Structures are given as C-alpha cells and as structure tokens.
C-alpha cells in the first residue's frame, strides 16, 4: 500500500488580518459552508487577527477564530509583518 504520508492531505490556513468586523464575512461564510458540504471542512482552519481586545460575537462566522497573541498593527506599517 501507499506510505502513510501519501494518504494524508495537507491543511490550508486562512488568516484574516482585520481591525474589527470583516465586511466580506457573508462571502466567506458561503465559501466555507460550500467547502464543508463538499467534504473539505477538515482540510482548512480559519484564524483571525483583529485588534487587541476585540472579539467576534457568537453570531459571527469568525467567532472563536481570534488568535491569542495579537499585535497593534498600523495599516502599511512594519507592524503588519510582526502580526
């Protein structure tokens, strides 16, 4: 048979750098819902990096995706690389 590593599929990570709400959330919700319906839901993870202190509400598709180690980021500044 095929080696164990050949049987495993890679995972894709989506990282959303944002200050607060993500205006394109409905589009991403449709994308991730379709991926789950097609059986790809376990092949990706979603992470978000909003400003420190911000949390998405339970109704948001990004609820629970916030990374814990956040950096204050200035748009176009070198701090984006730090994030």
C-alpha atoms as a PDB file:
ATOM      1  CA  UNK A   1       0.000   0.000   0.000  1.00  0.00           C
ATOM      2  CA  UNK A   2       0.881   3.652  -0.140  1.00  0.00           C
ATOM      3  CA  UNK A   3       3.005   5.099   2.649  1.00  0.00           C
ATOM      4  CA  UNK A   4       1.041   6.767   5.436  1.00  0.00           C
ATOM      5  CA  UNK A   5       2.278  10.234   4.439  1.00  0.00           C
ATOM      6  CA  UNK A   6       0.847   9.793   0.938  1.00  0.00           C
ATOM      7  CA  UNK A   7      -2.610   9.112   2.396  1.00  0.00           C
ATOM      8  CA  UNK A   8      -2.714  12.328   4.410  1.00  0.00           C
ATOM      9  CA  UNK A   9      -3.908  15.548   2.889  1.00  0.00           C
ATOM     10  CA  UNK A  10      -2.443  18.921   3.724  1.00  0.00           C
ATOM     11  CA  UNK A  11      -4.345  21.613   5.537  1.00  0.00           C
ATOM     12  CA  UNK A  12      -4.832  25.159   4.429  1.00  0.00           C
ATOM     13  CA  UNK A  13      -4.881  28.059   6.898  1.00  0.00           C
ATOM     14  CA  UNK A  14      -6.903  31.213   6.282  1.00  0.00           C
ATOM     15  CA  UNK A  15      -5.690  34.195   8.323  1.00  0.00           C
ATOM     16  CA  UNK A  16      -7.789  37.346   8.300  1.00  0.00           C
ATOM     17  CA  UNK A  17      -5.928  40.488   9.391  1.00  0.00           C
ATOM     18  CA  UNK A  18      -8.636  42.923  10.435  1.00  0.00           C
ATOM     19  CA  UNK A  19      -9.343  45.654  12.963  1.00  0.00           C
ATOM     20  CA  UNK A  20     -12.857  44.510  13.832  1.00  0.00           C
ATOM     21  CA  UNK A  21     -15.730  43.103  11.763  1.00  0.00           C
ATOM     22  CA  UNK A  22     -14.905  41.618   8.377  1.00  0.00           C
ATOM     23  CA  UNK A  23     -17.103  43.309   5.758  1.00  0.00           C
ATOM     24  CA  UNK A  24     -16.848  40.342   3.383  1.00  0.00           C
ATOM     25  CA  UNK A  25     -17.985  37.847   6.051  1.00  0.00           C
ATOM     26  CA  UNK A  26     -21.102  36.757   4.067  1.00  0.00           C
ATOM     27  CA  UNK A  27     -18.929  35.787   1.095  1.00  0.00           C
ATOM     28  CA  UNK A  28     -16.525  33.819   3.288  1.00  0.00           C
ATOM     29  CA  UNK A  29     -19.438  32.166   5.098  1.00  0.00           C
ATOM     30  CA  UNK A  30     -20.794  30.915   1.764  1.00  0.00           C
ATOM     31  CA  UNK A  31     -17.308  29.734   0.750  1.00  0.00           C
ATOM     32  CA  UNK A  32     -16.683  27.790   3.975  1.00  0.00           C
ATOM     33  CA  UNK A  33     -20.235  26.361   4.014  1.00  0.00           C
ATOM     34  CA  UNK A  34     -19.731  25.051   0.483  1.00  0.00           C
ATOM     35  CA  UNK A  35     -16.340  23.583   1.414  1.00  0.00           C
ATOM     36  CA  UNK A  36     -17.962  21.724   4.327  1.00  0.00           C
ATOM     37  CA  UNK A  37     -20.786  20.429   2.096  1.00  0.00           C
ATOM     38  CA  UNK A  38     -18.197  19.151  -0.377  1.00  0.00           C
ATOM     39  CA  UNK A  39     -16.356  17.293   2.401  1.00  0.00           C
ATOM     40  CA  UNK A  40     -13.427  19.673   2.727  1.00  0.00           C
ATOM     41  CA  UNK A  41     -14.271  21.076   6.156  1.00  0.00           C
ATOM     42  CA  UNK A  42     -11.446  19.222   7.886  1.00  0.00           C
ATOM     43  CA  UNK A  43      -8.838  20.392   5.374  1.00  0.00           C
ATOM     44  CA  UNK A  44      -8.621  24.003   6.486  1.00  0.00           C
ATOM     45  CA  UNK A  45      -8.524  26.168   9.596  1.00  0.00           C
ATOM     46  CA  UNK A  46      -9.652  29.775   9.946  1.00  0.00           C
ATOM     47  CA  UNK A  47      -7.772  32.279  12.100  1.00  0.00           C
ATOM     48  CA  UNK A  48      -8.331  35.980  12.591  1.00  0.00           C
ATOM     49  CA  UNK A  49      -6.109  38.753  13.922  1.00  0.00           C
ATOM     50  CA  UNK A  50      -8.377  41.622  14.971  1.00  0.00           C
ATOM     51  CA  UNK A  51      -7.116  44.487  17.105  1.00  0.00           C
ATOM     52  CA  UNK A  52      -6.236  43.543  20.696  1.00  0.00           C
ATOM     53  CA  UNK A  53      -9.336  43.450  22.879  1.00  0.00           C
ATOM     54  CA  UNK A  54     -11.800  42.821  20.045  1.00  0.00           C
ATOM     55  CA  UNK A  55     -13.782  39.578  19.922  1.00  0.00           C
ATOM     56  CA  UNK A  56     -16.311  38.472  17.342  1.00  0.00           C
ATOM     57  CA  UNK A  57     -19.843  37.858  18.613  1.00  0.00           C
ATOM     58  CA  UNK A  58     -21.355  34.369  18.677  1.00  0.00           C
ATOM     59  CA  UNK A  59     -23.385  35.097  15.521  1.00  0.00           C
ATOM     60  CA  UNK A  60     -20.238  35.844  13.503  1.00  0.00           C
ATOM     61  CA  UNK A  61     -18.738  33.120  11.323  1.00  0.00           C
ATOM     62  CA  UNK A  62     -15.382  34.265  12.740  1.00  0.00           C
ATOM     63  CA  UNK A  63     -16.374  33.656  16.367  1.00  0.00           C
ATOM     64  CA  UNK A  64     -13.645  31.696  18.134  1.00  0.00           C
ATOM     65  CA  UNK A  65     -11.060  32.200  15.380  1.00  0.00           C
ATOM     66  CA  UNK A  66      -9.186  35.031  17.111  1.00  0.00           C
ATOM     67  CA  UNK A  67      -5.530  34.289  17.766  1.00  0.00           C
ATOM     68  CA  UNK A  68      -4.459  34.930  21.344  1.00  0.00           C
ATOM     69  CA  UNK A  69      -1.140  36.690  20.693  1.00  0.00           C
ATOM     70  CA  UNK A  70      -2.186  39.917  18.939  1.00  0.00           C
ATOM     71  CA  UNK A  71      -0.192  42.969  17.964  1.00  0.00           C
ATOM     72  CA  UNK A  72      -1.417  46.515  17.393  1.00  0.00           C
ATOM     73  CA  UNK A  73      -0.993  46.975  13.676  1.00  0.00           C
ATOM     74  CA  UNK A  74      -0.827  50.195  11.692  1.00  0.00           C
ATOM     75  CA  UNK A  75      -2.015  49.871   8.107  1.00  0.00           C
ATOM     76  CA  UNK A  76       1.006  49.847   5.795  1.00  0.00           C
ATOM     77  CA  UNK A  77       3.432  49.856   8.719  1.00  0.00           C
ATOM     78  CA  UNK A  78       6.135  47.332   9.523  1.00  0.00           C
ATOM     79  CA  UNK A  79       3.957  46.066  12.385  1.00  0.00           C
ATOM     80  CA  UNK A  80       1.950  44.104   9.806  1.00  0.00           C
ATOM     81  CA  UNK A  81       4.938  41.798   9.389  1.00  0.00           C
ATOM     82  CA  UNK A  82       5.017  41.337  13.162  1.00  0.00           C
ATOM     83  CA  UNK A  83       1.356  40.290  13.223  1.00  0.00           C
END
